[in-house]
């Protein structure tokens, strides 16, 4: 993605594309299929057994 006034292009996770577009970033179309960074899912909280 790129934005006016910023030289370097960035790569974001697919889920974040809409947010960046709303913030003024543009998807770079270089003629290739878009590639996205796949991030690991957040781990759930671990609950301790015992007292409530």
N, C-alpha and C. Protein backbone atom coordinates (compact mmCIF):
# COMPACT_ATOMS: atom_id res chain seq x y z
N UNK A 1 0.84 -1.15 0.00
CA UNK A 1 0.00 0.00 0.00
C UNK A 1 0.90 1.23 0.00
N UNK A 2 0.35 2.32 -0.49
CA UNK A 2 1.13 3.55 -0.50
C UNK A 2 0.22 4.72 -0.13
N UNK A 3 0.89 5.81 0.24
CA UNK A 3 0.16 7.01 0.62
C UNK A 3 0.94 8.22 0.16
N UNK A 4 0.24 9.25 -0.30
CA UNK A 4 0.90 10.48 -0.73
C UNK A 4 1.74 11.04 0.41
N UNK A 5 2.94 11.49 0.08
CA UNK A 5 3.82 12.08 1.06
C UNK A 5 4.70 11.09 1.79
N UNK A 6 4.50 9.79 1.55
CA UNK A 6 5.32 8.76 2.18
C UNK A 6 5.97 7.95 1.07
N UNK A 7 7.31 7.93 1.05
CA UNK A 7 8.05 7.27 -0.03
C UNK A 7 7.91 5.76 -0.02
N UNK A 8 8.03 5.17 1.16
CA UNK A 8 8.07 3.72 1.27
C UNK A 8 6.66 3.11 1.23
N UNK A 9 6.50 2.04 0.46
CA UNK A 9 5.25 1.31 0.45
C UNK A 9 5.24 0.36 1.63
N UNK A 10 4.04 0.01 2.09
CA UNK A 10 3.92 -0.92 3.21
C UNK A 10 3.12 -2.13 2.80
N UNK A 11 3.25 -3.19 3.57
CA UNK A 11 2.51 -4.42 3.35
C UNK A 11 1.73 -4.69 4.63
N UNK A 12 0.43 -4.91 4.50
CA UNK A 12 -0.41 -5.12 5.68
C UNK A 12 -1.17 -6.43 5.56
N UNK A 13 -1.66 -6.90 6.68
CA UNK A 13 -2.48 -8.12 6.68
C UNK A 13 -3.79 -7.86 5.94
N UNK A 14 -4.30 -8.87 5.29
CA UNK A 14 -5.51 -8.72 4.48
C UNK A 14 -6.67 -8.12 5.28
N UNK A 15 -6.80 -8.51 6.52
CA UNK A 15 -7.89 -8.02 7.35
C UNK A 15 -7.78 -6.52 7.62
N UNK A 16 -6.61 -5.94 7.47
CA UNK A 16 -6.38 -4.53 7.76
C UNK A 16 -6.53 -3.62 6.54
N UNK A 17 -6.70 -4.18 5.37
CA UNK A 17 -6.73 -3.38 4.14
C UNK A 17 -7.82 -2.32 4.19
N UNK A 18 -9.04 -2.68 4.57
CA UNK A 18 -10.14 -1.70 4.61
C UNK A 18 -9.81 -0.54 5.55
N UNK A 19 -9.26 -0.85 6.69
CA UNK A 19 -8.90 0.20 7.65
C UNK A 19 -7.90 1.18 7.04
N UNK A 20 -6.88 0.65 6.40
CA UNK A 20 -5.87 1.52 5.80
C UNK A 20 -6.45 2.33 4.65
N UNK A 21 -7.33 1.73 3.85
CA UNK A 21 -7.96 2.47 2.76
C UNK A 21 -8.79 3.64 3.31
N UNK A 22 -9.51 3.41 4.41
CA UNK A 22 -10.29 4.49 5.03
C UNK A 22 -9.39 5.59 5.58
N UNK A 23 -8.16 5.23 5.89
CA UNK A 23 -7.20 6.19 6.44
C UNK A 23 -6.40 6.92 5.36
N UNK A 24 -6.73 6.66 4.09
CA UNK A 24 -6.08 7.38 3.00
C UNK A 24 -5.02 6.61 2.24
N UNK A 25 -4.76 5.36 2.60
CA UNK A 25 -3.78 4.55 1.89
C UNK A 25 -4.43 3.97 0.64
N UNK A 26 -3.62 3.68 -0.37
CA UNK A 26 -4.09 3.09 -1.62
C UNK A 26 -3.42 1.74 -1.83
N UNK A 27 -4.19 0.79 -2.36
CA UNK A 27 -3.64 -0.52 -2.69
C UNK A 27 -2.80 -0.35 -3.95
N UNK A 28 -1.59 -0.88 -3.94
CA UNK A 28 -0.68 -0.79 -5.08
C UNK A 28 -1.04 -1.90 -6.05
N UNK A 29 -1.33 -1.54 -7.29
CA UNK A 29 -1.65 -2.53 -8.32
C UNK A 29 -0.47 -2.63 -9.27
N UNK A 30 0.32 -3.68 -9.07
CA UNK A 30 1.50 -3.86 -9.93
C UNK A 30 1.27 -4.92 -10.99
N UNK A 31 0.00 -5.28 -11.23
CA UNK A 31 -0.31 -6.26 -12.25
C UNK A 31 -0.25 -7.69 -11.76
N UNK A 32 0.16 -7.89 -10.54
CA UNK A 32 0.23 -9.23 -9.97
C UNK A 32 -0.91 -9.39 -8.98
N UNK A 33 -1.21 -10.64 -8.66
CA UNK A 33 -2.22 -10.89 -7.64
C UNK A 33 -1.73 -10.33 -6.31
N UNK A 34 -2.61 -9.72 -5.53
CA UNK A 34 -2.16 -9.15 -4.27
C UNK A 34 -1.66 -10.21 -3.31
N UNK A 35 -0.64 -9.88 -2.58
CA UNK A 35 -0.13 -10.77 -1.55
C UNK A 35 -0.30 -10.08 -0.21
N UNK A 36 -0.66 -10.85 0.77
CA UNK A 36 -0.91 -10.30 2.09
C UNK A 36 -0.09 -11.06 3.11
N UNK A 37 0.25 -10.38 4.16
CA UNK A 37 0.98 -10.99 5.26
C UNK A 37 -0.02 -11.75 6.10
N UNK A 38 0.26 -13.00 6.35
CA UNK A 38 -0.64 -13.79 7.18
C UNK A 38 -0.09 -13.78 8.59
N UNK A 39 -0.93 -13.32 9.52
CA UNK A 39 -0.48 -13.24 10.91
C UNK A 39 -1.11 -14.36 11.72
N UNK A 40 -0.46 -14.72 12.79
CA UNK A 40 -0.98 -15.76 13.66
C UNK A 40 -2.18 -15.24 14.45
N UNK A 41 -3.11 -16.13 14.72
CA UNK A 41 -4.27 -15.75 15.52
C UNK A 41 -3.85 -15.55 16.97
N UNK A 42 -4.54 -14.67 17.64
CA UNK A 42 -4.24 -14.42 19.05
C UNK A 42 -4.60 -15.65 19.87
N UNK A 43 -3.78 -15.92 20.86
CA UNK A 43 -4.06 -17.04 21.76
C UNK A 43 -5.15 -16.62 22.74
N UNK A 44 -6.03 -17.54 23.03
CA UNK A 44 -7.10 -17.26 23.99
C UNK A 44 -6.54 -17.21 25.40
N UNK A 45 -7.29 -16.57 26.27
CA UNK A 45 -6.86 -16.52 27.67
C UNK A 45 -6.94 -17.91 28.27
N UNK A 46 -5.98 -18.22 29.06
CA UNK A 46 -6.00 -19.51 29.75
C UNK A 46 -6.62 -19.30 31.12
N UNK A 47 -7.56 -20.12 31.42
CA UNK A 47 -8.24 -20.00 32.70
C UNK A 47 -7.70 -21.06 33.66
N UNK A 48 -7.46 -20.62 34.86
CA UNK A 48 -7.00 -21.55 35.87
C UNK A 48 -8.21 -22.23 36.49
N UNK A 49 -8.08 -23.51 36.76
CA UNK A 49 -9.18 -24.22 37.42
C UNK A 49 -9.04 -24.03 38.93
N UNK A 50 -10.14 -24.08 39.60
CA UNK A 50 -10.10 -23.91 41.05
C UNK A 50 -11.12 -22.90 41.49
N UNK A 51 -10.68 -21.93 42.26
CA UNK A 51 -11.58 -20.94 42.83
C UNK A 51 -12.27 -20.12 41.75
N UNK A 52 -13.51 -19.75 42.01
CA UNK A 52 -14.27 -18.91 41.09
C UNK A 52 -14.36 -17.51 41.60
